[in-house]
N, C-alpha and C. Protein backbone atom coordinates (compact mmCIF):
# COMPACT_ATOMS: atom_id res chain seq x y z
N MET A 1 0.61 1.05 3.53
CA MET A 1 1.36 1.90 2.22
C MET A 1 1.59 3.05 2.88
N PHE A 2 0.79 3.61 3.68
CA PHE A 2 0.77 5.26 4.25
C PHE A 2 1.49 5.77 5.45
N ASP A 3 1.94 4.45 5.64
CA ASP A 3 2.79 4.21 7.39
C ASP A 3 4.26 4.28 7.20
N PRO A 4 4.83 5.27 7.62
CA PRO A 4 6.49 5.71 7.62
C PRO A 4 7.40 4.29 7.68
N PHE A 5 8.07 4.07 6.47
CA PHE A 5 9.10 2.69 6.49
C PHE A 5 8.44 1.56 6.31
N VAL A 6 7.28 1.88 5.71
CA VAL A 6 6.88 0.36 4.90
C VAL A 6 7.00 0.59 3.59
N ARG A 7 7.40 -0.61 3.08
CA ARG A 7 7.98 -0.54 0.96
C ARG A 7 6.37 -1.75 0.90
N GLY A 8 6.16 -1.31 -0.12
CA GLY A 8 4.90 -2.48 -0.92
C GLY A 8 5.67 -3.35 -1.80
N ASP A 9 6.84 -3.18 -2.14
CA ASP A 9 7.71 -3.82 -3.15
C ASP A 9 8.80 -4.93 -2.71
N LYS A 10 8.60 -5.84 -1.77
CA LYS A 10 9.36 -6.32 -1.14
C LYS A 10 10.75 -6.73 -1.67
N SER A 11 10.91 -6.46 -2.90
CA SER A 11 12.60 -6.49 -3.36
C SER A 11 13.05 -5.24 -3.21
N ARG A 12 12.36 -4.32 -2.69
CA ARG A 12 13.34 -2.81 -2.38
C ARG A 12 13.86 -2.96 -0.98
N THR A 13 14.80 -2.47 -0.81
CA THR A 13 15.27 -2.71 0.25
C THR A 13 16.07 -1.61 0.53
N ARG A 14 16.88 -1.09 1.65
CA ARG A 14 17.60 -0.02 1.86
C ARG A 14 18.76 0.27 0.99
N GLU A 15 18.97 -1.01 1.05
CA GLU A 15 20.87 -1.20 0.06
C GLU A 15 19.92 -0.68 -1.84
N THR A 16 18.69 -0.89 -2.16
CA THR A 16 18.16 -0.78 -3.50
C THR A 16 17.69 0.56 -3.46
N GLY A 17 17.49 1.19 -2.40
CA GLY A 17 17.11 2.70 -2.74
C GLY A 17 15.92 2.86 -2.10
N GLY A 18 15.43 4.09 -1.60
CA GLY A 18 14.04 4.61 -0.83
C GLY A 18 14.28 4.34 0.56
N HIS A 19 13.32 4.94 1.31
CA HIS A 19 13.51 4.74 2.67
C HIS A 19 12.11 4.49 3.62
N GLY A 20 10.68 4.62 2.11
CA GLY A 20 9.52 4.18 2.76
C GLY A 20 8.92 5.66 3.78
N LEU A 21 9.42 6.37 3.31
CA LEU A 21 8.80 7.64 3.85
C LEU A 21 7.38 8.57 2.68
N GLY A 22 7.94 8.59 1.55
CA GLY A 22 7.25 9.34 0.48
C GLY A 22 5.46 9.87 0.88
N LEU A 23 4.92 8.17 1.09
CA LEU A 23 3.64 8.27 0.64
C LEU A 23 3.14 8.57 2.41
N ALA A 24 4.05 8.31 2.92
CA ALA A 24 3.73 8.99 4.64
C ALA A 24 3.67 10.41 4.67
N ILE A 25 4.54 11.06 3.72
CA ILE A 25 4.57 12.42 4.22
C ILE A 25 3.44 12.98 3.18
N VAL A 26 3.40 12.23 1.83
CA VAL A 26 1.72 12.83 1.05
C VAL A 26 0.71 12.87 2.27
N LYS A 27 0.61 11.52 2.45
CA LYS A 27 -0.68 11.52 3.45
C LYS A 27 -0.43 12.56 4.26
N GLN A 28 0.44 12.86 5.21
CA GLN A 28 0.39 14.05 6.36
C GLN A 28 -0.01 15.27 5.82
N ILE A 29 0.55 15.61 4.24
CA ILE A 29 0.45 17.16 3.70
C ILE A 29 -1.30 17.08 3.76
N LEU A 30 -1.83 16.25 2.91
CA LEU A 30 -3.30 15.95 2.35
C LEU A 30 -3.89 16.28 4.26
N GLU A 31 -3.83 15.32 4.94
CA GLU A 31 -4.42 15.62 6.06
C GLU A 31 -4.61 16.85 6.79
N ARG A 32 -3.38 17.71 6.80
CA ARG A 32 -3.07 18.91 7.29
C ARG A 32 -3.89 19.85 6.36
N HIS A 33 -4.53 19.61 5.23
CA HIS A 33 -5.04 20.49 4.49
C HIS A 33 -6.37 20.05 4.23
N GLN A 34 -6.59 19.26 5.43
CA GLN A 34 -8.39 18.37 5.46
C GLN A 34 -8.60 17.69 3.91
N GLY A 35 -7.59 17.15 3.56
CA GLY A 35 -7.35 15.98 1.99
C GLY A 35 -7.74 14.85 2.80
N SER A 36 -7.46 14.19 1.86
CA SER A 36 -7.68 12.52 1.47
C SER A 36 -6.50 11.91 0.94
N VAL A 37 -6.30 10.41 1.19
CA VAL A 37 -5.46 10.17 -0.25
C VAL A 37 -5.84 8.62 0.06
N HIS A 38 -5.95 7.72 -0.98
CA HIS A 38 -6.60 6.15 -0.91
C HIS A 38 -5.80 5.62 -2.14
N ILE A 39 -5.36 4.54 -1.94
CA ILE A 39 -5.42 3.54 -3.35
C ILE A 39 -6.47 2.97 -3.42
N GLU A 40 -6.42 2.20 -5.11
CA GLU A 40 -7.44 1.84 -5.55
C GLU A 40 -6.95 0.98 -6.86
N ASP A 41 -7.62 -0.08 -7.47
CA ASP A 41 -6.97 -0.59 -8.45
C ASP A 41 -7.05 0.38 -9.86
N SER A 42 -6.15 0.53 -10.81
CA SER A 42 -6.55 1.19 -11.79
C SER A 42 -6.90 0.21 -12.86
N PRO A 43 -7.96 0.81 -13.45
CA PRO A 43 -8.56 0.24 -14.76
C PRO A 43 -7.55 -0.05 -15.96
N LEU A 44 -6.34 0.81 -15.75
CA LEU A 44 -5.15 0.16 -16.94
C LEU A 44 -4.27 -0.94 -16.00
N GLY A 45 -4.33 -1.23 -15.27
CA GLY A 45 -3.68 -2.44 -14.25
C GLY A 45 -2.72 -1.70 -13.24
N GLY A 46 -2.53 -2.26 -12.35
CA GLY A 46 -1.56 -1.52 -11.15
C GLY A 46 -2.30 -1.10 -10.19
N ALA A 47 -2.20 -0.06 -9.58
CA ALA A 47 -2.50 0.86 -8.65
C ALA A 47 -2.87 1.97 -9.22
N ARG A 48 -3.97 2.75 -8.34
CA ARG A 48 -4.69 4.28 -8.70
C ARG A 48 -4.32 5.25 -7.23
N PHE A 49 -3.64 6.13 -7.20
CA PHE A 49 -3.73 6.93 -5.78
C PHE A 49 -4.19 8.22 -6.02
N VAL A 50 -5.27 8.20 -5.12
CA VAL A 50 -6.39 8.99 -5.08
C VAL A 50 -6.55 10.32 -4.02
N MET A 51 -5.81 11.17 -4.48
CA MET A 51 -6.00 12.24 -3.24
C MET A 51 -7.23 13.31 -4.10
N ARG A 52 -7.97 13.74 -2.55
CA ARG A 52 -8.77 14.81 -2.57
C ARG A 52 -8.43 16.07 -1.86
N TRP A 53 -8.58 17.27 -1.96
CA TRP A 53 -9.07 18.33 -1.26
C TRP A 53 -10.06 18.85 -1.37
N PRO A 54 -10.34 19.31 -0.39
CA PRO A 54 -11.56 20.09 -0.26
C PRO A 54 -11.53 21.40 -0.97
N ALA A 55 -12.96 21.90 -1.87
CA ALA A 55 -12.97 22.83 -2.80
C ALA A 55 -12.44 24.21 -1.93
N GLN A 56 -11.98 25.48 -2.67
CA GLN A 56 -12.12 26.39 -2.06
C GLN A 56 -13.19 27.40 -2.25
N ARG A 57 -13.65 28.13 -1.47
CA ARG A 57 -14.69 28.97 -1.51
C ARG A 57 -14.15 30.13 -1.97
């Protein structure tokens, strides 16, 4: 999901919109700020995206 040009929803194509870059960009930004991101199951159903940044001093 965090690789460039990957679409998790197989019904999404170039014709229906999106390029598969959004999550790849999010991951790069977080990593450059010593953060991380991952996906887990949401208790409400679907997916939950968890982003973490280190605490500032």
